[in-house]
Amino acid sequence: MERPGTSHAFEIQIDEREGTTFVLLSGELDMATAPALQEALHAAQHAETSHVIVDLRQLTFLDSFGLRILAAADIAGRDGHVKVSFISGSDSVHRVFEITEMDKRVDWTDAPE
């Protein structure tokens, strides 16, 4: 049951700092919202940046569609596009990476100070 006043709407915020593009995700990343993320990551990986960091700390939900988009960005980064790293999210979000063993394949980084 959802508590009154809570919002799980998916949002993407892009923050560029010192040659790095931060993609901050919040809310629910699922089948309905994954295409927006795919477009944002594609644009980030083809922009004038040296590194893309996807911040998962504010995600409240991640399904297989969202994970597929994140995995595709990681693969593209290994195939010549801009490198992608991830800042780990909540236990429930990180569990999706663990179950699929994606946690062993992607590059994790600490949150910037």
PDB file of N, CA and C in Angstrom:
ATOM      1  N   MET A   1       0.842  -1.183   0.000  1.00  0.00           N
ATOM      2  CA  MET A   1       0.000   0.000   0.000  1.00  0.00           C
ATOM      3  C   MET A   1       0.885   1.243   0.000  1.00  0.00           C
ATOM      4  N   GLU A   2       0.561   2.178  -0.837  1.00  0.00           N
ATOM      5  CA  GLU A   2       1.361   3.394  -0.938  1.00  0.00           C
ATOM      6  C   GLU A   2       0.924   4.394   0.119  1.00  0.00           C
ATOM      7  N   ARG A   3       1.904   5.035   0.744  1.00  0.00           N
ATOM      8  CA  ARG A   3       1.611   6.044   1.753  1.00  0.00           C
ATOM      9  C   ARG A   3       1.212   7.340   1.072  1.00  0.00           C
ATOM     10  N   PRO A   4       0.260   8.071   1.657  1.00  0.00           N
ATOM     11  CA  PRO A   4      -0.108   9.371   1.086  1.00  0.00           C
ATOM     12  C   PRO A   4       1.104  10.298   1.045  1.00  0.00           C
ATOM     13  N   GLY A   5       1.208  11.051  -0.033  1.00  0.00           N
ATOM     14  CA  GLY A   5       2.282  12.022  -0.148  1.00  0.00           C
ATOM     15  C   GLY A   5       3.583  11.462  -0.693  1.00  0.00           C
ATOM     16  N   THR A   6       3.662  10.156  -0.930  1.00  0.00           N
ATOM     17  CA  THR A   6       4.895   9.600  -1.495  1.00  0.00           C
ATOM     18  C   THR A   6       4.749   9.527  -3.001  1.00  0.00           C
ATOM     19  N   SER A   7       5.825   9.738  -3.682  1.00  0.00           N
ATOM     20  CA  SER A   7       5.805   9.713  -5.135  1.00  0.00           C
ATOM     21  C   SER A   7       6.885   8.768  -5.631  1.00  0.00           C
ATOM     22  N   HIS A   8       6.527   7.950  -6.590  1.00  0.00           N
ATOM     23  CA  HIS A   8       7.486   7.026  -7.172  1.00  0.00           C
ATOM     24  C   HIS A   8       7.652   7.292  -8.661  1.00  0.00           C
ATOM     25  N   ALA A   9       7.238   8.475  -9.095  1.00  0.00           N
ATOM     26  CA  ALA A   9       7.372   8.823 -10.506  1.00  0.00           C
ATOM     27  C   ALA A   9       8.849   8.801 -10.890  1.00  0.00           C
ATOM     28  N   PHE A  10       9.115   8.257 -12.047  1.00  0.00           N
ATOM     29  CA  PHE A  10      10.487   8.147 -12.518  1.00  0.00           C
ATOM     30  C   PHE A  10      10.984   9.499 -13.011  1.00  0.00           C
ATOM     31  N   GLU A  11      12.197   9.850 -12.607  1.00  0.00           N
ATOM     32  CA  GLU A  11      12.821  11.089 -13.051  1.00  0.00           C
ATOM     33  C   GLU A  11      14.281  10.840 -13.383  1.00  0.00           C
ATOM     34  N   ILE A  12      14.757  11.582 -14.370  1.00  0.00           N
ATOM     35  CA  ILE A  12      16.166  11.546 -14.765  1.00  0.00           C
ATOM     36  C   ILE A  12      16.696  12.962 -14.662  1.00  0.00           C
ATOM     37  N   GLN A  13      17.793  13.118 -13.942  1.00  0.00           N
ATOM     38  CA  GLN A  13      18.468  14.410 -13.868  1.00  0.00           C
ATOM     39  C   GLN A  13      19.879  14.222 -14.401  1.00  0.00           C
ATOM     40  N   ILE A  14      20.297  15.127 -15.254  1.00  0.00           N
ATOM     41  CA  ILE A  14      21.640  15.078 -15.828  1.00  0.00           C
ATOM     42  C   ILE A  14      22.453  16.218 -15.217  1.00  0.00           C
ATOM     43  N   ASP A  15      23.625  15.874 -14.724  1.00  0.00           N
ATOM     44  CA  ASP A  15      24.511  16.863 -14.112  1.00  0.00           C
ATOM     45  C   ASP A  15      25.906  16.632 -14.682  1.00  0.00           C
ATOM     46  N   GLU A  16      26.450  17.636 -15.319  1.00  0.00           N
ATOM     47  CA  GLU A  16      27.784  17.509 -15.911  1.00  0.00           C
ATOM     48  C   GLU A  16      28.784  18.276 -15.065  1.00  0.00           C
ATOM     49  N   ARG A  17      29.841  17.565 -14.648  1.00  0.00           N
ATOM     50  CA  ARG A  17      30.881  18.163 -13.814  1.00  0.00           C
ATOM     51  C   ARG A  17      32.240  17.653 -14.251  1.00  0.00           C
ATOM     52  N   GLU A  18      33.131  18.575 -14.581  1.00  0.00           N
ATOM     53  CA  GLU A  18      34.525  18.263 -14.857  1.00  0.00           C
ATOM     54  C   GLU A  18      34.720  17.087 -15.815  1.00  0.00           C
ATOM     55  N   GLY A  19      34.005  17.103 -16.917  1.00  0.00           N
ATOM     56  CA  GLY A  19      34.170  16.074 -17.929  1.00  0.00           C
ATOM     57  C   GLY A  19      33.421  14.778 -17.659  1.00  0.00           C
ATOM     58  N   THR A  20      32.643  14.737 -16.583  1.00  0.00           N
ATOM     59  CA  THR A  20      31.862  13.551 -16.234  1.00  0.00           C
ATOM     60  C   THR A  20      30.387  13.900 -16.262  1.00  0.00           C
ATOM     61  N   THR A  21      29.596  13.031 -16.842  1.00  0.00           N
ATOM     62  CA  THR A  21      28.150  13.211 -16.861  1.00  0.00           C
ATOM     63  C   THR A  21      27.538  12.292 -15.817  1.00  0.00           C
ATOM     64  N   PHE A  22      26.826  12.894 -14.865  1.00  0.00           N
ATOM     65  CA  PHE A  22      26.121  12.135 -13.839  1.00  0.00           C
ATOM     66  C   PHE A  22      24.665  12.015 -14.262  1.00  0.00           C
ATOM     67  N   VAL A  23      24.158  10.783 -14.274  1.00  0.00           N
ATOM     68  CA  VAL A  23      22.765  10.519 -14.596  1.00  0.00           C
ATOM     69  C   VAL A  23      22.118  10.046 -13.300  1.00  0.00           C
ATOM     70  N   LEU A  24      21.345  10.929 -12.684  1.00  0.00           N
ATOM     71  CA  LEU A  24      20.726  10.630 -11.399  1.00  0.00           C
ATOM     72  C   LEU A  24      19.306  10.142 -11.632  1.00  0.00           C
ATOM     73  N   LEU A  25      19.036   8.933 -11.183  1.00  0.00           N
ATOM     74  CA  LEU A  25      17.729   8.322 -11.396  1.00  0.00           C
ATOM     75  C   LEU A  25      16.953   8.291 -10.090  1.00  0.00           C
ATOM     76  N   SER A  26      15.649   8.547 -10.166  1.00  0.00           N
ATOM     77  CA  SER A  26      14.805   8.439  -8.984  1.00  0.00           C
ATOM     78  C   SER A  26      13.449   7.875  -9.389  1.00  0.00           C
ATOM     79  N   GLY A  27      12.803   7.227  -8.422  1.00  0.00           N
ATOM     80  CA  GLY A  27      11.488   6.647  -8.663  1.00  0.00           C
ATOM     81  C   GLY A  27      11.579   5.222  -9.157  1.00  0.00           C
ATOM     82  N   GLU A  28      10.601   4.837  -9.971  1.00  0.00           N
ATOM     83  CA  GLU A  28      10.474   3.461 -10.443  1.00  0.00           C
ATOM     84  C   GLU A  28      10.943   3.336 -11.889  1.00  0.00           C
ATOM     85  N   LEU A  29      11.973   2.529 -12.079  1.00  0.00           N
ATOM     86  CA  LEU A  29      12.487   2.238 -13.424  1.00  0.00           C
ATOM     87  C   LEU A  29      11.915   0.896 -13.853  1.00  0.00           C
ATOM     88  N   ASP A  30      10.972   0.955 -14.789  1.00  0.00           N
ATOM     89  CA  ASP A  30      10.276  -0.253 -15.216  1.00  0.00           C
ATOM     90  C   ASP A  30      10.011  -0.208 -16.717  1.00  0.00           C
ATOM     91  N   MET A  31       9.165  -1.107 -17.180  1.00  0.00           N
ATOM     92  CA  MET A  31       8.874  -1.220 -18.602  1.00  0.00           C
ATOM     93  C   MET A  31       8.373   0.102 -19.188  1.00  0.00           C
ATOM     94  N   ALA A  32       7.583   0.836 -18.448  1.00  0.00           N
ATOM     95  CA  ALA A  32       7.014   2.077 -18.963  1.00  0.00           C
ATOM     96  C   ALA A  32       8.038   3.216 -19.022  1.00  0.00           C
ATOM     97  N   THR A  33       9.000   3.214 -18.107  1.00  0.00           N
ATOM     98  CA  THR A  33       9.944   4.332 -18.020  1.00  0.00           C
ATOM     99  C   THR A  33      11.299   4.039 -18.651  1.00  0.00           C
ATOM    100  N   ALA A  34      11.579   2.787 -18.950  1.00  0.00           N
ATOM    101  CA  ALA A  34      12.877   2.399 -19.507  1.00  0.00           C
ATOM    102  C   ALA A  34      13.214   3.112 -20.819  1.00  0.00           C
ATOM    103  N   PRO A  35      12.264   3.336 -21.730  1.00  0.00           N
ATOM    104  CA  PRO A  35      12.630   4.033 -22.976  1.00  0.00           C
ATOM    105  C   PRO A  35      13.200   5.433 -22.745  1.00  0.00           C
ATOM    106  N   ALA A  36      12.698   6.153 -21.756  1.00  0.00           N
ATOM    107  CA  ALA A  36      13.234   7.493 -21.454  1.00  0.00           C
ATOM    108  C   ALA A  36      14.683   7.387 -20.998  1.00  0.00           C
ATOM    109  N   LEU A  37      14.975   6.386 -20.191  1.00  0.00           N
ATOM    110  CA  LEU A  37      16.351   6.187 -19.745  1.00  0.00           C
ATOM    111  C   LEU A  37      17.238   5.794 -20.917  1.00  0.00           C
ATOM    112  N   GLN A  38      16.741   4.949 -21.795  1.00  0.00           N
ATOM    113  CA  GLN A  38      17.526   4.536 -22.960  1.00  0.00           C
ATOM    114  C   GLN A  38      17.932   5.757 -23.786  1.00  0.00           C
ATOM    115  N   GLU A  39      17.004   6.669 -24.004  1.00  0.00           N
ATOM    116  CA  GLU A  39      17.316   7.884 -24.765  1.00  0.00           C
ATOM    117  C   GLU A  39      18.345   8.743 -24.043  1.00  0.00           C
ATOM    118  N   ALA A  40      18.185   8.903 -22.723  1.00  0.00           N
ATOM    119  CA  ALA A  40      19.096   9.740 -21.945  1.00  0.00           C
ATOM    120  C   ALA A  40      20.506   9.154 -21.932  1.00  0.00           C
ATOM    121  N   LEU A  41      20.625   7.855 -21.755  1.00  0.00           N
ATOM    122  CA  LEU A  41      21.940   7.223 -21.727  1.00  0.00           C
ATOM    123  C   LEU A  41      22.598   7.257 -23.103  1.00  0.00           C
ATOM    124  N   HIS A  42      21.809   7.048 -24.139  1.00  0.00           N
ATOM    125  CA  HIS A  42      22.344   7.119 -25.503  1.00  0.00           C
ATOM    126  C   HIS A  42      22.913   8.514 -25.763  1.00  0.00           C
ATOM    127  N   ALA A  43      22.160   9.537 -25.398  1.00  0.00           N
ATOM    128  CA  ALA A  43      22.620  10.915 -25.595  1.00  0.00           C
ATOM    129  C   ALA A  43      23.882  11.178 -24.775  1.00  0.00           C
ATOM    130  N   ALA A  44      23.911  10.700 -23.536  1.00  0.00           N
ATOM    131  CA  ALA A  44      25.079  10.930 -22.676  1.00  0.00           C
ATOM    132  C   ALA A  44      26.324  10.253 -23.238  1.00  0.00           C
ATOM    133  N   GLN A  45      26.160   9.044 -23.775  1.00  0.00           N
ATOM    134  CA  GLN A  45      27.309   8.314 -24.292  1.00  0.00           C
ATOM    135  C   GLN A  45      27.794   8.833 -25.641  1.00  0.00           C
ATOM    136  N   HIS A  46      27.037   9.714 -26.258  1.00  0.00           N
ATOM    137  CA  HIS A  46      27.446  10.300 -27.532  1.00  0.00           C
ATOM    138  C   HIS A  46      27.731  11.794 -27.409  1.00  0.00           C
ATOM    139  N   ALA A  47      27.828  12.258 -26.193  1.00  0.00           N
ATOM    140  CA  ALA A  47      28.109  13.672 -25.938  1.00  0.00           C
ATOM    141  C   ALA A  47      29.598  13.870 -25.675  1.00  0.00           C
ATOM    142  N   GLU A  48      29.974  15.100 -25.481  1.00  0.00           N
ATOM    143  CA  GLU A  48      31.359  15.444 -25.177  1.00  0.00           C
ATOM    144  C   GLU A  48      31.618  15.225 -23.687  1.00  0.00           C
ATOM    145  N   THR A  49      31.805  13.987 -23.297  1.00  0.00           N
ATOM    146  CA  THR A  49      32.075  13.646 -21.908  1.00  0.00           C
ATOM    147  C   THR A  49      33.070  12.491 -21.891  1.00  0.00           C
ATOM    148  N   SER A  50      33.767  12.343 -20.795  1.00  0.00           N
ATOM    149  CA  SER A  50      34.750  11.262 -20.718  1.00  0.00           C
ATOM    150  C   SER A  50      34.249  10.068 -19.930  1.00  0.00           C
ATOM    151  N   HIS A  51      33.152  10.261 -19.185  1.00  0.00           N
ATOM    152  CA  HIS A  51      32.675   9.195 -18.306  1.00  0.00           C
ATOM    153  C   HIS A  51      31.219   9.482 -17.961  1.00  0.00           C
ATOM    154  N   VAL A  52      30.407   8.441 -17.917  1.00  0.00           N
ATOM    155  CA  VAL A  52      29.017   8.554 -17.487  1.00  0.00           C
ATOM    156  C   VAL A  52      28.879   7.753 -16.198  1.00  0.00           C
ATOM    157  N   ILE A  53      28.354   8.401 -15.175  1.00  0.00           N
ATOM    158  CA  ILE A  53      28.104   7.720 -13.898  1.00  0.00           C
ATOM    159  C   ILE A  53      26.610   7.740 -13.642  1.00  0.00           C
ATOM    160  N   VAL A  54      26.029   6.544 -13.496  1.00  0.00           N
ATOM    161  CA  VAL A  54      24.599   6.408 -13.249  1.00  0.00           C
ATOM    162  C   VAL A  54      24.404   6.207 -11.753  1.00  0.00           C
ATOM    163  N   ASP A  55      23.703   7.141 -11.140  1.00  0.00           N
ATOM    164  CA  ASP A  55      23.456   7.129  -9.700  1.00  0.00           C
ATOM    165  C   ASP A  55      22.110   6.462  -9.426  1.00  0.00           C
ATOM    166  N   LEU A  56      22.152   5.301  -8.781  1.00  0.00           N
ATOM    167  CA  LEU A  56      20.947   4.507  -8.531  1.00  0.00           C
ATOM    168  C   LEU A  56      20.379   4.712  -7.129  1.00  0.00           C
ATOM    169  N   ARG A  57      20.958   5.598  -6.345  1.00  0.00           N
ATOM    170  CA  ARG A  57      20.594   5.706  -4.931  1.00  0.00           C
ATOM    171  C   ARG A  57      19.150   6.117  -4.683  1.00  0.00           C
ATOM    172  N   GLN A  58      18.535   6.828  -5.612  1.00  0.00           N
ATOM    173  CA  GLN A  58      17.164   7.295  -5.393  1.00  0.00           C
ATOM    174  C   GLN A  58      16.112   6.439  -6.111  1.00  0.00           C
ATOM    175  N   LEU A  59      16.558   5.357  -6.761  1.00  0.00           N
ATOM    176  CA  LEU A  59      15.580   4.447  -7.384  1.00  0.00           C
ATOM    177  C   LEU A  59      14.829   3.701  -6.293  1.00  0.00           C
ATOM    178  N   THR A  60      13.527   3.576  -6.470  1.00  0.00           N
ATOM    179  CA  THR A  60      12.715   2.813  -5.515  1.00  0.00           C
ATOM    180  C   THR A  60      12.342   1.441  -6.061  1.00  0.00           C
ATOM    181  N   PHE A  61      12.515   1.256  -7.372  1.00  0.00           N
ATOM    182  CA  PHE A  61      12.138  -0.012  -8.003  1.00  0.00           C
ATOM    183  C   PHE A  61      12.930  -0.160  -9.301  1.00  0.00           C
ATOM    184  N   LEU A  62      13.341  -1.383  -9.593  1.00  0.00           N
ATOM    185  CA  LEU A  62      14.045  -1.701 -10.833  1.00  0.00           C
ATOM    186  C   LEU A  62      13.557  -3.053 -11.321  1.00  0.00           C
ATOM    187  N   ASP A  63      13.061  -3.106 -12.562  1.00  0.00           N
ATOM    188  CA  ASP A  63      12.649  -4.391 -13.124  1.00  0.00           C
ATOM    189  C   ASP A  63      13.615  -4.797 -14.241  1.00  0.00           C
ATOM    190  N   SER A  64      13.309  -5.906 -14.887  1.00  0.00           N
ATOM    191  CA  SER A  64      14.215  -6.447 -15.903  1.00  0.00           C
ATOM    192  C   SER A  64      14.337  -5.527 -17.117  1.00  0.00           C
ATOM    193  N   PHE A  65      13.306  -4.763 -17.442  1.00  0.00           N
ATOM    194  CA  PHE A  65      13.393  -3.834 -18.571  1.00  0.00           C
ATOM    195  C   PHE A  65      14.409  -2.736 -18.269  1.00  0.00           C
ATOM    196  N   GLY A  66      14.335  -2.194 -17.054  1.00  0.00           N
ATOM    197  CA  GLY A  66      15.293  -1.172 -16.651  1.00  0.00           C
ATOM    198  C   GLY A  66      16.704  -1.714 -16.591  1.00  0.00           C
ATOM    199  N   LEU A  67      16.836  -2.919 -16.060  1.00  0.00           N
ATOM    200  CA  LEU A  67      18.154  -3.542 -15.971  1.00  0.00           C
ATOM    201  C   LEU A  67      18.739  -3.765 -17.359  1.00  0.00           C
ATOM    202  N   ARG A  68      17.913  -4.133 -18.307  1.00  0.00           N
ATOM    203  CA  ARG A  68      18.379  -4.351 -19.675  1.00  0.00           C
ATOM    204  C   ARG A  68      18.955  -3.065 -20.264  1.00  0.00           C
ATOM    205  N   ILE A  69      18.317  -1.937 -19.993  1.00  0.00           N
ATOM    206  CA  ILE A  69      18.810  -0.651 -20.500  1.00  0.00           C
ATOM    207  C   ILE A  69      20.153  -0.313 -19.857  1.00  0.00           C
ATOM    208  N   LEU A  70      20.269  -0.540 -18.552  1.00  0.00           N
ATOM    209  CA  LEU A  70      21.527  -0.270 -17.854  1.00  0.00           C
ATOM    210  C   LEU A  70      22.637  -1.184 -18.373  1.00  0.00           C
ATOM    211  N   ALA A  71      22.300  -2.444 -18.601  1.00  0.00           N
ATOM    212  CA  ALA A  71      23.291  -3.399 -19.120  1.00  0.00           C
ATOM    213  C   ALA A  71      23.731  -3.005 -20.529  1.00  0.00           C
ATOM    214  N   ALA A  72      22.792  -2.559 -21.351  1.00  0.00           N
ATOM    215  CA  ALA A  72      23.137  -2.150 -22.715  1.00  0.00           C
ATOM    216  C   ALA A  72      24.089  -0.952 -22.711  1.00  0.00           C
ATOM    217  N   ALA A  73      23.878  -0.018 -21.793  1.00  0.00           N
ATOM    218  CA  ALA A  73      24.779   1.134 -21.689  1.00  0.00           C
ATOM    219  C   ALA A  73      26.168   0.683 -21.253  1.00  0.00           C
ATOM    220  N   ASP A  74      26.221  -0.263 -20.338  1.00  0.00           N
ATOM    221  CA  ASP A  74      27.509  -0.804 -19.890  1.00  0.00           C
ATOM    222  C   ASP A  74      28.237  -1.477 -21.054  1.00  0.00           C
ATOM    223  N   ILE A  75      27.525  -2.277 -21.811  1.00  0.00           N
ATOM    224  CA  ILE A  75      28.117  -2.978 -22.957  1.00  0.00           C
ATOM    225  C   ILE A  75      28.604  -1.972 -24.000  1.00  0.00           C
ATOM    226  N   ALA A  76      27.800  -0.945 -24.273  1.00  0.00           N
ATOM    227  CA  ALA A  76      28.203   0.079 -25.236  1.00  0.00           C
ATOM    228  C   ALA A  76      29.480   0.775 -24.777  1.00  0.00           C
ATOM    229  N   GLY A  77      29.586   1.012 -23.476  1.00  0.00           N
ATOM    230  CA  GLY A  77      30.788   1.629 -22.933  1.00  0.00           C
ATOM    231  C   GLY A  77      32.024   0.765 -23.099  1.00  0.00           C
ATOM    232  N   ARG A  78      31.839  -0.526 -23.108  1.00  0.00           N
ATOM    233  CA  ARG A  78      32.954  -1.449 -23.306  1.00  0.00           C
ATOM    234  C   ARG A  78      33.283  -1.627 -24.783  1.00  0.00           C
ATOM    235  N   ASP A  79      32.335  -1.255 -25.643  1.00  0.00           N
ATOM    236  CA  ASP A  79      32.520  -1.408 -27.086  1.00  0.00           C
ATOM    237  C   ASP A  79      32.926  -0.115 -27.784  1.00  0.00           C
ATOM    238  N   GLY A  80      33.466   0.838 -27.043  1.00  0.00           N
ATOM    239  CA  GLY A  80      33.985   2.034 -27.680  1.00  0.00           C
ATOM    240  C   GLY A  80      33.252   3.324 -27.385  1.00  0.00           C
ATOM    241  N   HIS A  81      32.046   3.244 -26.842  1.00  0.00           N
ATOM    242  CA  HIS A  81      31.353   4.471 -26.451  1.00  0.00           C
ATOM    243  C   HIS A  81      31.899   4.916 -25.102  1.00  0.00           C
ATOM    244  N   VAL A  82      31.362   5.967 -24.555  1.00  0.00           N
ATOM    245  CA  VAL A  82      31.811   6.493 -23.270  1.00  0.00           C
ATOM    246  C   VAL A  82      31.554   5.472 -22.165  1.00  0.00           C
ATOM    247  N   LYS A  83      32.572   5.276 -21.312  1.00  0.00           N
ATOM    248  CA  LYS A  83      32.494   4.324 -20.204  1.00  0.00           C
ATOM    249  C   LYS A  83      31.366   4.696 -19.255  1.00  0.00           C
ATOM    250  N   VAL A  84      30.683   3.666 -18.732  1.00  0.00           N
ATOM    251  CA  VAL A  84      29.600   3.851 -17.773  1.00  0.00           C
ATOM    252  C   VAL A  84      29.959   3.146 -16.473  1.00  0.00           C
ATOM    253  N   SER A  85      29.760   3.853 -15.369  1.00  0.00           N
ATOM    254  CA  SER A  85      29.915   3.278 -14.034  1.00  0.00           C
ATOM    255  C   SER A  85      28.621   3.532 -13.269  1.00  0.00           C
ATOM    256  N   PHE A  86      28.460   2.814 -12.164  1.00  0.00           N
ATOM    257  CA  PHE A  86      27.231   2.911 -11.390  1.00  0.00           C
ATOM    258  C   PHE A  86      27.527   3.190  -9.924  1.00  0.00           C
ATOM    259  N   ILE A  87      26.665   4.004  -9.309  1.00  0.00           N
ATOM    260  CA  ILE A  87      26.662   4.191  -7.865  1.00  0.00           C
ATOM    261  C   ILE A  87      25.529   3.312  -7.346  1.00  0.00           C
ATOM    262  N   SER A  88      25.850   2.404  -6.441  1.00  0.00           N
ATOM    263  CA  SER A  88      24.891   1.414  -5.959  1.00  0.00           C
ATOM    264  C   SER A  88      23.670   2.060  -5.317  1.00  0.00           C
ATOM    265  N   GLY A  89      22.533   1.407  -5.510  1.00  0.00           N
ATOM    266  CA  GLY A  89      21.276   1.890  -4.955  1.00  0.00           C
ATOM    267  C   GLY A  89      20.874   1.142  -3.696  1.00  0.00           C
ATOM    268  N   SER A  90      19.609   1.201  -3.390  1.00  0.00           N
ATOM    269  CA  SER A  90      19.058   0.550  -2.204  1.00  0.00           C
ATOM    270  C   SER A  90      19.272  -0.962  -2.289  1.00  0.00           C
ATOM    271  N   ASP A  91      19.062  -1.632  -1.173  1.00  0.00           N
ATOM    272  CA  ASP A  91      19.215  -3.092  -1.152  1.00  0.00           C
ATOM    273  C   ASP A  91      18.308  -3.766  -2.177  1.00  0.00           C
ATOM    274  N   SER A  92      17.063  -3.296  -2.298  1.00  0.00           N
ATOM    275  CA  SER A  92      16.133  -3.942  -3.231  1.00  0.00           C
ATOM    276  C   SER A  92      16.558  -3.736  -4.679  1.00  0.00           C
ATOM    277  N   VAL A  93      17.089  -2.559  -4.996  1.00  0.00           N
ATOM    278  CA  VAL A  93      17.566  -2.295  -6.357  1.00  0.00           C
ATOM    279  C   VAL A  93      18.841  -3.092  -6.614  1.00  0.00           C
ATOM    280  N   HIS A  94      19.753  -3.080  -5.669  1.00  0.00           N
ATOM    281  CA  HIS A  94      21.014  -3.809  -5.862  1.00  0.00           C
ATOM    282  C   HIS A  94      20.759  -5.316  -5.955  1.00  0.00           C
ATOM    283  N   ARG A  95      19.732  -5.785  -5.297  1.00  0.00           N
ATOM    284  CA  ARG A  95      19.407  -7.224  -5.334  1.00  0.00           C
ATOM    285  C   ARG A  95      19.127  -7.680  -6.771  1.00  0.00           C
ATOM    286  N   VAL A  96      18.530  -6.826  -7.582  1.00  0.00           N
ATOM    287  CA  VAL A  96      18.260  -7.179  -8.978  1.00  0.00           C
ATOM    288  C   VAL A  96      19.584  -7.410  -9.706  1.00  0.00           C
ATOM    289  N   PHE A  97      20.586  -6.593  -9.436  1.00  0.00           N
ATOM    290  CA  PHE A  97      21.909  -6.783 -10.024  1.00  0.00           C
ATOM    291  C   PHE A  97      22.522  -8.104  -9.532  1.00  0.00           C
ATOM    292  N   GLU A  98      22.356  -8.404  -8.258  1.00  0.00           N
ATOM    293  CA  GLU A  98      22.938  -9.629  -7.691  1.00  0.00           C
ATOM    294  C   GLU A  98      22.286 -10.885  -8.250  1.00  0.00           C
ATOM    295  N   ILE A  99      20.974 -10.896  -8.326  1.00  0.00           N
ATOM    296  CA  ILE A  99      20.243 -12.071  -8.815  1.00  0.00           C
ATOM    297  C   ILE A  99      20.663 -12.423 -10.238  1.00  0.00           C
ATOM    298  N   THR A 100      20.898 -11.404 -11.043  1.00  0.00           N
ATOM    299  CA  THR A 100      21.273 -11.611 -12.442  1.00  0.00           C
ATOM    300  C   THR A 100      22.786 -11.668 -12.646  1.00  0.00           C
ATOM    301  N   GLU A 101      23.521 -11.516 -11.567  1.00  0.00           N
ATOM    302  CA  GLU A 101      24.982 -11.465 -11.558  1.00  0.00           C
ATOM    303  C   GLU A 101      25.542 -10.295 -12.365  1.00  0.00           C
ATOM    304  N   MET A 102      24.706  -9.301 -12.618  1.00  0.00           N
ATOM    305  CA  MET A 102      25.174  -8.071 -13.257  1.00  0.00           C
ATOM    306  C   MET A 102      26.109  -7.314 -12.328  1.00  0.00           C
ATOM    307  N   ASP A 103      25.963  -7.527 -11.024  1.00  0.00           N
ATOM    308  CA  ASP A 103      26.825  -6.820 -10.066  1.00  0.00           C
ATOM    309  C   ASP A 103      28.292  -7.172 -10.273  1.00  0.00           C
ATOM    310  N   LYS A 104      28.559  -8.319 -10.877  1.00  0.00           N
ATOM    311  CA  LYS A 104      29.932  -8.761 -11.128  1.00  0.00           C
ATOM    312  C   LYS A 104      30.478  -8.255 -12.459  1.00  0.00           C
ATOM    313  N   ARG A 105      29.590  -7.760 -13.333  1.00  0.00           N
ATOM    314  CA  ARG A 105      30.011  -7.363 -14.674  1.00  0.00           C
ATOM    315  C   ARG A 105      30.150  -5.871 -14.874  1.00  0.00           C
ATOM    316  N   VAL A 106      29.436  -5.080 -14.068  1.00  0.00           N
ATOM    317  CA  VAL A 106      29.490  -3.633 -14.258  1.00  0.00           C
ATOM    318  C   VAL A 106      30.534  -3.007 -13.346  1.00  0.00           C
ATOM    319  N   ASP A 107      30.889  -1.784 -13.678  1.00  0.00           N
ATOM    320  CA  ASP A 107      31.863  -1.028 -12.896  1.00  0.00           C
ATOM    321  C   ASP A 107      31.119  -0.203 -11.852  1.00  0.00           C
ATOM    322  N   TRP A 108      31.471  -0.408 -10.586  1.00  0.00           N
ATOM    323  CA  TRP A 108      30.853   0.343  -9.488  1.00  0.00           C
ATOM    324  C   TRP A 108      31.802   1.442  -9.037  1.00  0.00           C
ATOM    325  N   THR A 109      31.251   2.550  -8.615  1.00  0.00           N
ATOM    326  CA  THR A 109      32.047   3.667  -8.123  1.00  0.00           C
ATOM    327  C   THR A 109      31.375   4.259  -6.896  1.00  0.00           C
ATOM    328  N   ASP A 110      32.148   4.972  -6.105  1.00  0.00           N
ATOM    329  CA  ASP A 110      31.596   5.629  -4.930  1.00  0.00           C
ATOM    330  C   ASP A 110      30.935   6.933  -5.342  1.00  0.00           C
ATOM    331  N   ALA A 111      30.003   7.370  -4.510  1.00  0.00           N
ATOM    332  CA  ALA A 111      29.344   8.650  -4.757  1.00  0.00           C
ATOM    333  C   ALA A 111      30.349   9.781  -4.584  1.00  0.00           C
ATOM    334  N   PRO A 112      30.261  10.802  -5.423  1.00  0.00           N
ATOM    335  CA  PRO A 112      31.182  11.934  -5.264  1.00  0.00           C
ATOM    336  C   PRO A 112      30.874  12.687  -3.971  1.00  0.00           C
ATOM    337  N   GLU A 113      31.873  13.338  -3.461  1.00  0.00           N
ATOM    338  CA  GLU A 113      31.673  14.093  -2.213  1.00  0.00           C
ATOM    339  C   GLU A 113      31.181  15.483  -2.484  1.00  0.00           C
TER     340      GLU A 113
END
